[in-house]
Amino acid sequence: MILNVVAAVMIADGKIFVAQRHRSHSQGGLWEFPGGKVEPGETAEIALERELQEELSINVTVTEYLATSVHQYPDKTVKLHGYLCQWHGDQIELTGSHEQYRWLAPQQVDRTTLAPADLPLLDALINMLNS
């Protein structure tokens, strides 16, 4: 079974937003670009807006498709679609899906603790910023 998942890549002041998955969740302790599953009848953009409201209590505008990665985890295959999103500056509140968050320069992201499905999104972002 392939899960269609979306991820928000938010950039502010040259830094990108990453959040650490709650240890009780799948891939717990790893860092990721936040997002979640696309529900039946949802577009990727609507799913991202909903997921970020649910997980971080923020509003975003999806601005541009970035990249897609497919990763086989031990228990599932994830097809992750990454989108650039504009954060509107709302107060970020972790609602239980994540333990903490950080704004980091792309080169500061620890590739050993970033969820494997998110690595191609980070590479696509760095390539985009360097072009």
Protein backbone atom coordinates (compact mmCIF):
# COMPACT_ATOMS: atom_id res chain seq x y z
CA MET A 1 0.00 0.00 0.00
CA ILE A 2 1.28 3.45 -0.94
CA LEU A 3 0.38 6.39 1.29
CA ASN A 4 0.08 9.76 -0.46
CA VAL A 5 1.49 12.34 1.91
CA VAL A 6 2.21 16.05 1.58
CA ALA A 7 4.90 18.14 3.24
CA ALA A 8 5.26 21.89 3.71
CA VAL A 9 8.63 23.47 3.05
CA MET A 10 8.49 26.87 4.71
CA ILE A 11 11.27 29.43 4.36
CA ALA A 12 11.63 32.58 6.45
CA ASP A 13 14.69 34.80 6.65
CA GLY A 14 16.77 32.22 4.78
CA LYS A 15 15.90 29.44 7.22
CA ILE A 16 13.65 26.42 6.77
CA PHE A 17 11.17 24.99 9.24
CA VAL A 18 11.63 21.42 10.49
CA ALA A 19 9.77 19.65 13.28
CA GLN A 20 10.69 16.60 15.34
CA ARG A 21 8.11 13.82 15.20
CA HIS A 22 6.70 12.82 18.58
CA ARG A 23 8.49 9.73 19.86
CA SER A 24 5.22 7.79 20.17
CA HIS A 25 4.46 8.19 16.43
CA SER A 26 5.78 6.34 13.40
CA GLN A 27 9.34 7.53 12.70
CA GLY A 28 9.33 9.04 16.19
CA GLY A 29 12.27 11.28 17.04
CA LEU A 30 13.11 12.01 13.41
CA TRP A 31 12.86 15.51 11.98
CA GLU A 32 10.63 16.32 9.03
CA PHE A 33 8.94 18.92 6.95
CA PRO A 34 5.47 18.93 8.55
CA GLY A 35 2.39 17.71 6.74
CA GLY A 36 0.37 14.54 6.55
CA LYS A 37 -1.92 12.26 4.63
CA VAL A 38 -4.10 13.45 1.80
CA GLU A 39 -7.67 12.47 2.67
CA PRO A 40 -10.14 11.26 0.01
CA GLY A 41 -11.49 14.18 -1.98
CA GLU A 42 -8.72 16.58 -0.89
CA THR A 43 -6.20 18.28 -3.12
CA ALA A 44 -2.60 18.33 -1.96
CA GLU A 45 -2.92 22.05 -1.21
CA ILE A 46 -6.06 21.63 0.92
CA ALA A 47 -4.47 18.69 2.77
CA LEU A 48 -1.40 20.79 3.60
CA GLU A 49 -3.44 23.71 4.84
CA ARG A 50 -5.53 21.37 7.02
CA GLU A 51 -2.56 19.41 8.38
CA LEU A 52 -0.59 22.52 9.35
CA GLN A 53 -3.64 23.96 11.08
CA GLU A 54 -4.12 20.67 12.99
CA GLU A 55 -0.46 20.03 13.85
CA LEU A 56 0.94 23.53 14.34
CA SER A 57 -2.11 25.83 14.62
CA ILE A 58 -0.83 27.93 11.71
CA ASN A 59 -2.20 29.11 8.39
CA VAL A 60 -0.16 28.78 5.22
CA THR A 61 -0.54 29.49 1.55
CA VAL A 62 0.77 26.76 -0.73
CA THR A 63 2.80 28.56 -3.38
CA GLU A 64 4.71 26.04 -5.51
CA TYR A 65 5.33 22.32 -6.02
CA LEU A 66 8.90 21.38 -5.07
CA ALA A 67 9.46 17.63 -5.50
CA THR A 68 8.15 14.14 -4.83
CA SER A 69 9.96 11.27 -3.17
CA VAL A 70 8.99 7.65 -2.68
CA HIS A 71 10.41 5.81 0.32
CA GLN A 72 9.85 2.26 1.53
CA TYR A 73 9.71 2.16 5.32
CA PRO A 74 9.55 -1.25 7.05
CA ASP A 75 5.77 -1.00 7.49
CA LYS A 76 4.65 1.15 4.53
CA THR A 77 5.59 2.95 1.34
CA VAL A 78 5.25 6.71 1.43
CA LYS A 79 4.91 8.91 -1.65
CA LEU A 80 5.78 12.34 -0.29
CA HIS A 81 4.88 15.45 -2.28
CA GLY A 82 6.71 18.56 -1.11
CA TYR A 83 5.36 22.08 -1.62
CA LEU A 84 6.79 25.47 -0.85
CA CYS A 85 4.44 27.21 1.57
CA GLN A 86 4.22 30.75 2.85
CA TRP A 87 3.80 30.92 6.62
CA HIS A 88 1.74 33.92 7.66
CA GLY A 89 3.56 34.48 10.96
CA ASP A 90 0.93 32.92 13.23
CA GLN A 91 2.07 31.71 16.64
CA ILE A 92 3.24 28.10 16.24
CA GLU A 93 1.69 25.73 18.77
CA LEU A 94 2.69 22.07 18.84
CA THR A 95 -0.51 20.04 19.22
CA GLY A 96 0.94 16.58 19.86
CA SER A 97 2.34 15.38 16.54
CA HIS A 98 5.72 17.00 17.18
CA GLU A 99 7.98 17.46 20.20
CA GLN A 100 9.86 20.54 19.03
CA TYR A 101 10.64 22.63 15.97
CA ARG A 102 13.51 24.67 14.61
CA TRP A 103 14.25 27.18 11.91
CA LEU A 104 17.58 26.21 10.34
CA ALA A 105 19.70 27.18 7.36
CA PRO A 106 19.34 24.34 4.84
CA GLN A 107 22.99 23.35 5.38
CA GLN A 108 22.39 23.08 9.15
CA VAL A 109 19.78 20.31 8.82
CA ASP A 110 21.19 17.08 10.25
CA ARG A 111 20.73 14.61 7.40
CA THR A 112 21.17 11.66 9.79
CA THR A 113 18.07 12.62 11.81
CA LEU A 114 15.88 13.85 8.95
CA ALA A 115 13.18 11.34 7.96
CA PRO A 116 14.47 9.42 4.90
CA ALA A 117 11.48 10.39 2.75
CA ASP A 118 12.27 14.08 3.39
CA LEU A 119 15.90 13.93 2.23
CA PRO A 120 15.07 14.32 -1.50
CA LEU A 121 12.92 17.35 -0.63
CA LEU A 122 15.84 18.95 1.20
CA ASP A 123 18.10 18.26 -1.81
CA ALA A 124 15.53 19.73 -4.22
CA LEU A 125 15.25 22.83 -2.03
CA ILE A 126 19.01 23.32 -1.86
CA ASN A 127 19.25 22.89 -5.64
CA MET A 128 16.46 25.42 -6.14
CA LEU A 129 18.09 27.96 -3.80
CA ASN A 130 21.47 27.53 -5.50
CA SER A 131 20.15 27.97 -9.04
